[in-house]
Amino acid sequence: MADELLQNPEAKLGHVSLIGAGPGAEDLLTLRAHRILQNADVVLYDALVSEEILRLARRDAEKISVGKRKGCHSKSQDQINALIVEQTQMGKQVVRLKSGDPMIFGRAGEEIAAMRAANVAYEIVPGITTALAAAAEAEIPLTLRGTASSVVFTTGHDLKSETLPDWAGLALSGATIAVYMGRSVAQSVAGRLNKAGLTLDTPVAVLENVSRKDKTTSIGTLKDLISANETNITWNGKAALILIGEAVAGACLDEIEIMAQQNASQHQNALV
């Protein structure tokens, strides 16, 4: 590429913007992401990127679906990597558009490695990851003073073995667990967490299609997940996020007020 530029100094330099599209709502896209989309020649987008977001791209930009859903992969990761490099080396302004944030379960590391190997210029534009959008939408604090001081992001794909990861110990100490793409393993993971010591009355929230018009939220307990209790927990077969932990009780303002009063009372007693 360097030789070509020396021979043809007017040749257009290609560039890649690895952009987080957020959970779906177009008004949650960052201003920087919007500006770059307006200047893109080609947009390579994932399956969960909403039509509303895609409509923000330049009108004549080429849009190529490279999305992967469970059981249906339009392109392999190697093919996606090759396509990014190929389009950039043609001198195009390329947007690689991922749902949520590209650095959280977005396989950004593999694509960055491919771009580095090909000496391709790139930048990373963060997006709002689904757990943060879900927490705001359902008014569920991911951390709560005196209750939860840490948050774990994990994915259902990593929970299919019989052994729970090391973060399970954090769940027992009060951490909020955010499980992405966890519907298929929800029942077994809940059961194993219970066997590990997490109580059946631990609050749970299932949020589907976060930030979109057809969003749904179900609040229940670990017991509901284990028994697949559809009275409290409902599944609509859409993109789902599961939140597990005592902080989920904060979905009810009364619960937050009660906890605050309890903390204040404990503090007052400590002073006496």
Protein backbone atom coordinates (compact mmCIF):
# COMPACT_ATOMS: atom_id res chain seq x y z
CA MET A 1 0.00 0.00 0.00
CA ALA A 2 2.84 2.41 0.83
CA ASP A 3 4.37 1.92 -2.68
CA GLU A 4 1.00 2.64 -4.29
CA LEU A 5 0.68 5.90 -2.34
CA LEU A 6 4.16 7.02 -3.39
CA GLN A 7 3.32 6.34 -7.02
CA ASN A 8 -0.11 7.94 -6.72
CA PRO A 9 -0.11 10.60 -3.98
CA GLU A 10 -3.76 11.43 -4.67
CA ALA A 11 -4.85 7.91 -3.79
CA LYS A 12 -7.42 7.88 -1.01
CA LEU A 13 -6.33 6.39 2.31
CA GLY A 14 -8.64 3.79 3.76
CA HIS A 15 -9.63 3.81 7.40
CA VAL A 16 -11.71 1.63 9.73
CA SER A 17 -13.94 2.84 12.56
CA LEU A 18 -14.92 0.06 14.95
CA ILE A 19 -18.15 1.49 16.36
CA GLY A 20 -20.43 0.45 19.19
CA ALA A 21 -24.03 0.97 18.09
CA GLY A 22 -25.44 0.66 21.60
CA PRO A 23 -28.41 -1.55 22.51
CA GLY A 24 -30.67 -0.48 19.64
CA ALA A 25 -32.27 2.93 20.17
CA GLU A 26 -30.82 5.41 17.69
CA ASP A 27 -30.73 8.27 20.22
CA LEU A 28 -28.33 6.27 22.41
CA LEU A 29 -25.70 6.37 19.65
CA THR A 30 -22.79 8.71 20.44
CA LEU A 31 -22.34 11.95 18.49
CA ARG A 32 -18.94 10.73 17.29
CA ALA A 33 -20.44 7.49 15.95
CA HIS A 34 -23.18 9.44 14.16
CA ARG A 35 -20.65 11.76 12.52
CA ILE A 36 -18.52 8.86 11.29
CA LEU A 37 -21.55 6.99 9.93
CA GLN A 38 -22.40 10.09 7.88
CA ASN A 39 -19.01 9.85 6.17
CA ALA A 40 -18.78 6.08 5.68
CA ASP A 41 -18.32 4.47 2.27
CA VAL A 42 -19.21 1.01 3.54
CA VAL A 43 -20.87 -0.27 6.73
CA LEU A 44 -20.29 -3.85 7.88
CA TYR A 45 -22.98 -4.48 10.50
CA ASP A 46 -23.98 -7.19 12.96
CA ALA A 47 -27.37 -8.91 13.18
CA LEU A 48 -28.46 -7.08 16.34
CA VAL A 49 -27.84 -3.58 14.93
CA SER A 50 -31.23 -1.91 14.51
CA GLU A 51 -32.64 -0.55 11.26
CA GLU A 52 -32.95 2.84 12.95
CA ILE A 53 -29.19 2.93 13.48
CA LEU A 54 -28.46 1.81 9.93
CA ARG A 55 -30.62 4.63 8.56
CA LEU A 56 -28.22 7.11 10.16
CA ALA A 57 -25.44 6.06 7.78
CA ARG A 58 -24.70 8.06 4.66
CA ARG A 59 -27.51 7.44 2.17
CA ASP A 60 -25.28 6.03 -0.56
CA ALA A 61 -23.05 3.98 1.75
CA GLU A 62 -22.83 0.28 0.94
CA LYS A 63 -24.31 -1.76 3.80
CA ILE A 64 -23.13 -5.35 4.21
CA SER A 65 -24.61 -7.72 6.79
CA VAL A 66 -21.96 -9.82 8.50
CA GLY A 67 -24.11 -10.73 11.47
CA LYS A 68 -23.97 -13.89 13.52
CA ARG A 69 -26.93 -15.30 15.43
CA LYS A 70 -27.21 -18.60 17.23
CA GLY A 71 -27.25 -21.33 14.60
CA CYS A 72 -27.03 -18.87 11.70
CA HIS A 73 -23.68 -17.33 10.74
CA SER A 74 -23.71 -15.30 7.53
CA LYS A 75 -19.90 -15.04 7.59
CA SER A 76 -17.14 -16.58 9.68
CA GLN A 77 -14.93 -14.31 11.78
CA ASP A 78 -12.01 -14.92 9.42
CA GLN A 79 -14.18 -13.84 6.48
CA ILE A 80 -15.22 -10.70 8.34
CA ASN A 81 -11.59 -9.88 9.13
CA ALA A 82 -10.61 -10.33 5.49
CA LEU A 83 -13.52 -8.17 4.29
CA ILE A 84 -12.57 -5.32 6.65
CA VAL A 85 -8.98 -5.36 5.40
CA GLU A 86 -10.00 -5.70 1.74
CA GLN A 87 -12.43 -2.77 1.83
CA THR A 88 -9.93 -0.55 3.64
CA GLN A 89 -7.10 -1.35 1.23
CA MET A 90 -9.42 -0.19 -1.57
CA GLY A 91 -9.24 3.25 0.03
CA LYS A 92 -12.68 3.20 1.60
CA GLN A 93 -13.88 4.71 4.87
CA VAL A 94 -15.12 1.56 6.57
CA VAL A 95 -17.43 1.35 9.56
CA ARG A 96 -17.52 -1.94 11.43
CA LEU A 97 -20.77 -1.57 13.35
CA LYS A 98 -21.39 -3.75 16.40
CA SER A 99 -24.30 -3.78 18.82
CA GLY A 100 -23.55 -2.56 22.34
CA ASP A 101 -19.86 -1.82 22.89
CA PRO A 102 -17.31 -3.44 20.57
CA MET A 103 -14.95 -4.26 23.43
CA ILE A 104 -17.52 -6.28 25.41
CA PHE A 105 -18.30 -9.66 23.80
CA GLY A 106 -17.85 -8.06 20.38
CA ARG A 107 -14.82 -10.02 19.15
CA ALA A 108 -13.07 -6.70 18.74
CA GLY A 109 -9.74 -8.24 19.74
CA GLU A 110 -9.72 -10.56 16.72
CA GLU A 111 -10.56 -7.76 14.30
CA ILE A 112 -7.99 -5.41 15.82
CA ALA A 113 -5.33 -8.12 15.44
CA ALA A 114 -6.24 -8.56 11.76
CA MET A 115 -6.08 -4.81 11.10
CA ARG A 116 -2.73 -4.51 12.83
CA ALA A 117 -1.34 -7.42 10.83
CA ALA A 118 -2.45 -5.74 7.60
CA ASN A 119 -1.15 -2.31 8.72
CA VAL A 120 -4.64 -0.85 8.42
CA ALA A 121 -5.45 2.47 10.11
CA TYR A 122 -8.32 2.20 12.57
CA GLU A 123 -10.03 3.76 15.57
CA ILE A 124 -12.45 2.46 18.20
CA VAL A 125 -15.63 4.33 19.11
CA PRO A 126 -17.29 3.00 22.28
CA GLY A 127 -21.00 2.36 22.62
CA ILE A 128 -23.42 1.82 25.48
CA THR A 129 -23.27 -1.84 26.43
CA THR A 130 -26.59 -3.60 27.00
CA ALA A 131 -26.18 -4.13 30.74
CA LEU A 132 -25.82 -0.39 31.36
CA ALA A 133 -28.77 0.47 29.13
CA ALA A 134 -30.88 -2.24 30.77
CA ALA A 135 -30.05 -1.00 34.25
CA ALA A 136 -31.05 2.55 33.35
CA GLU A 137 -34.21 1.49 31.54
CA ALA A 138 -35.48 -0.78 34.34
CA GLU A 139 -34.16 1.51 37.09
CA ILE A 140 -32.03 -1.31 38.47
CA PRO A 141 -28.78 -0.14 40.09
CA LEU A 142 -25.94 -2.47 39.20
CA THR A 143 -24.12 -1.37 42.35
CA LEU A 144 -25.84 -0.44 45.59
CA ARG A 145 -24.09 0.90 48.68
CA GLY A 146 -24.04 -1.71 51.39
CA THR A 147 -25.38 -4.40 49.05
CA ALA A 148 -23.41 -4.76 45.81
CA SER A 149 -19.99 -3.20 45.26
CA SER A 150 -19.02 -5.04 42.06
CA VAL A 151 -20.48 -6.11 38.70
CA VAL A 152 -19.61 -9.14 36.56
CA PHE A 153 -20.25 -9.21 32.80
CA THR A 154 -20.42 -12.74 31.41
CA THR A 155 -21.96 -14.50 28.42
CA GLY A 156 -24.13 -17.57 28.16
CA HIS A 157 -21.70 -19.08 25.66
CA ASP A 158 -19.10 -19.31 28.41
CA LEU A 159 -21.45 -20.99 30.89
CA LYS A 160 -22.18 -24.26 29.11
CA SER A 161 -19.65 -26.35 31.01
CA GLU A 162 -20.58 -28.05 34.26
CA THR A 163 -18.09 -25.95 36.20
CA LEU A 164 -19.00 -22.36 37.00
CA PRO A 165 -16.28 -19.75 36.34
CA ASP A 166 -14.37 -18.12 39.20
CA TRP A 167 -16.80 -15.19 39.32
CA ALA A 168 -19.40 -17.44 40.96
CA GLY A 169 -17.67 -16.65 44.25
CA LEU A 170 -18.34 -12.97 43.63
CA ALA A 171 -22.05 -13.72 43.22
CA LEU A 172 -22.06 -15.21 46.70
CA SER A 173 -20.44 -12.05 48.09
CA GLY A 174 -23.13 -9.80 46.65
CA ALA A 175 -21.89 -8.89 43.15
CA THR A 176 -24.44 -8.19 40.44
CA ILE A 177 -24.11 -10.70 37.59
CA ALA A 178 -25.05 -9.56 34.07
CA VAL A 179 -25.43 -12.55 31.72
CA TYR A 180 -25.44 -11.68 28.01
CA MET A 181 -27.04 -14.13 25.56
CA GLY A 182 -27.95 -16.34 28.49
CA ARG A 183 -31.42 -17.60 27.72
CA SER A 184 -30.39 -21.11 26.68
CA VAL A 185 -28.33 -21.66 29.86
CA ALA A 186 -30.39 -19.62 32.35
CA GLN A 187 -32.02 -22.57 34.09
CA SER A 188 -28.83 -24.60 34.51
CA VAL A 189 -26.74 -21.60 35.60
CA ALA A 190 -29.35 -20.60 38.18
CA GLY A 191 -29.41 -24.14 39.52
CA ARG A 192 -25.64 -24.32 39.80
CA LEU A 193 -25.49 -20.91 41.51
CA ASN A 194 -28.03 -22.16 44.02
CA LYS A 195 -25.98 -25.31 44.67
CA ALA A 196 -22.95 -23.08 45.16
CA GLY A 197 -24.79 -21.20 47.90
CA LEU A 198 -26.81 -18.42 46.27
CA THR A 199 -30.27 -18.38 47.89
CA LEU A 200 -33.42 -19.12 45.92
CA ASP A 201 -34.90 -15.73 46.81
CA THR A 202 -32.03 -13.85 45.12
CA PRO A 203 -33.64 -11.21 42.84
CA VAL A 204 -33.44 -11.76 39.09
CA ALA A 205 -34.41 -9.61 36.11
CA VAL A 206 -34.78 -10.74 32.50
CA LEU A 207 -34.70 -7.89 29.97
CA GLU A 208 -35.33 -8.46 26.27
CA ASN A 209 -34.82 -6.06 23.35
CA VAL A 210 -33.38 -3.42 25.65
CA SER A 211 -34.10 0.20 24.57
CA ARG A 212 -36.34 -0.87 21.66
CA LYS A 213 -40.07 -0.37 21.21
CA ASP A 214 -40.85 -4.04 21.89
CA LYS A 215 -38.72 -4.22 25.05
CA THR A 216 -39.87 -6.38 27.96
CA THR A 217 -38.78 -6.68 31.59
CA SER A 218 -39.54 -9.51 34.01
CA ILE A 219 -38.63 -9.41 37.70
CA GLY A 220 -38.47 -12.61 39.72
CA THR A 221 -36.09 -14.73 41.75
CA LEU A 222 -33.45 -17.38 41.21
CA LYS A 223 -36.12 -19.95 42.01
CA ASP A 224 -38.20 -18.70 39.06
CA LEU A 225 -35.26 -19.21 36.70
CA ILE A 226 -34.61 -22.72 38.00
CA SER A 227 -38.25 -23.78 37.69
CA ALA A 228 -38.75 -21.85 34.44
CA ASN A 229 -41.66 -20.10 36.17
CA GLU A 230 -43.43 -18.11 33.47
CA THR A 231 -45.69 -16.41 36.01
CA ASN A 232 -42.85 -14.07 36.93
CA ILE A 233 -40.19 -14.66 34.26
CA THR A 234 -41.28 -14.54 30.62
CA TRP A 235 -39.24 -15.26 27.50
CA ASN A 236 -40.22 -13.83 24.13
CA GLY A 237 -37.42 -15.39 22.12
CA LYS A 238 -35.60 -12.11 21.62
CA ALA A 239 -32.15 -10.80 22.58
CA ALA A 240 -32.07 -11.24 26.35
CA LEU A 241 -29.96 -10.01 29.24
CA ILE A 242 -30.23 -11.57 32.72
CA LEU A 243 -29.34 -9.64 35.87
CA ILE A 244 -28.82 -11.64 39.07
CA GLY A 245 -28.14 -10.19 42.52
CA GLU A 246 -29.54 -8.37 45.52
CA ALA A 247 -29.19 -5.00 43.79
CA VAL A 248 -31.93 -6.07 41.35
CA ALA A 249 -34.39 -5.45 44.18
CA GLY A 250 -33.60 -1.79 43.53
CA ALA A 251 -35.99 -1.99 40.57
CA CYS A 252 -38.53 -1.00 43.21
CA LEU A 253 -37.87 2.43 44.67
CA ASP A 254 -39.34 1.28 47.97
CA GLU A 255 -36.61 -1.36 48.20
CA ILE A 256 -33.91 1.29 47.73
CA GLU A 257 -35.47 3.46 50.41
CA ILE A 258 -35.71 0.50 52.80
CA MET A 259 -32.05 -0.41 52.21
CA ALA A 260 -31.00 3.22 52.69
CA GLN A 261 -32.92 3.36 55.96
CA GLN A 262 -31.34 0.11 57.11
CA ASN A 263 -27.85 1.38 56.25
CA ALA A 264 -28.53 4.66 58.04
CA SER A 265 -29.83 2.77 61.08
CA GLN A 266 -26.75 0.53 61.14
CA HIS A 267 -24.50 3.55 60.88
CA GLN A 268 -26.36 5.30 63.70
CA ASN A 269 -26.08 2.19 65.89
CA ALA A 270 -22.35 2.03 65.18
CA LEU A 271 -21.97 5.60 66.41
CA VAL A 272 -23.83 4.79 69.64
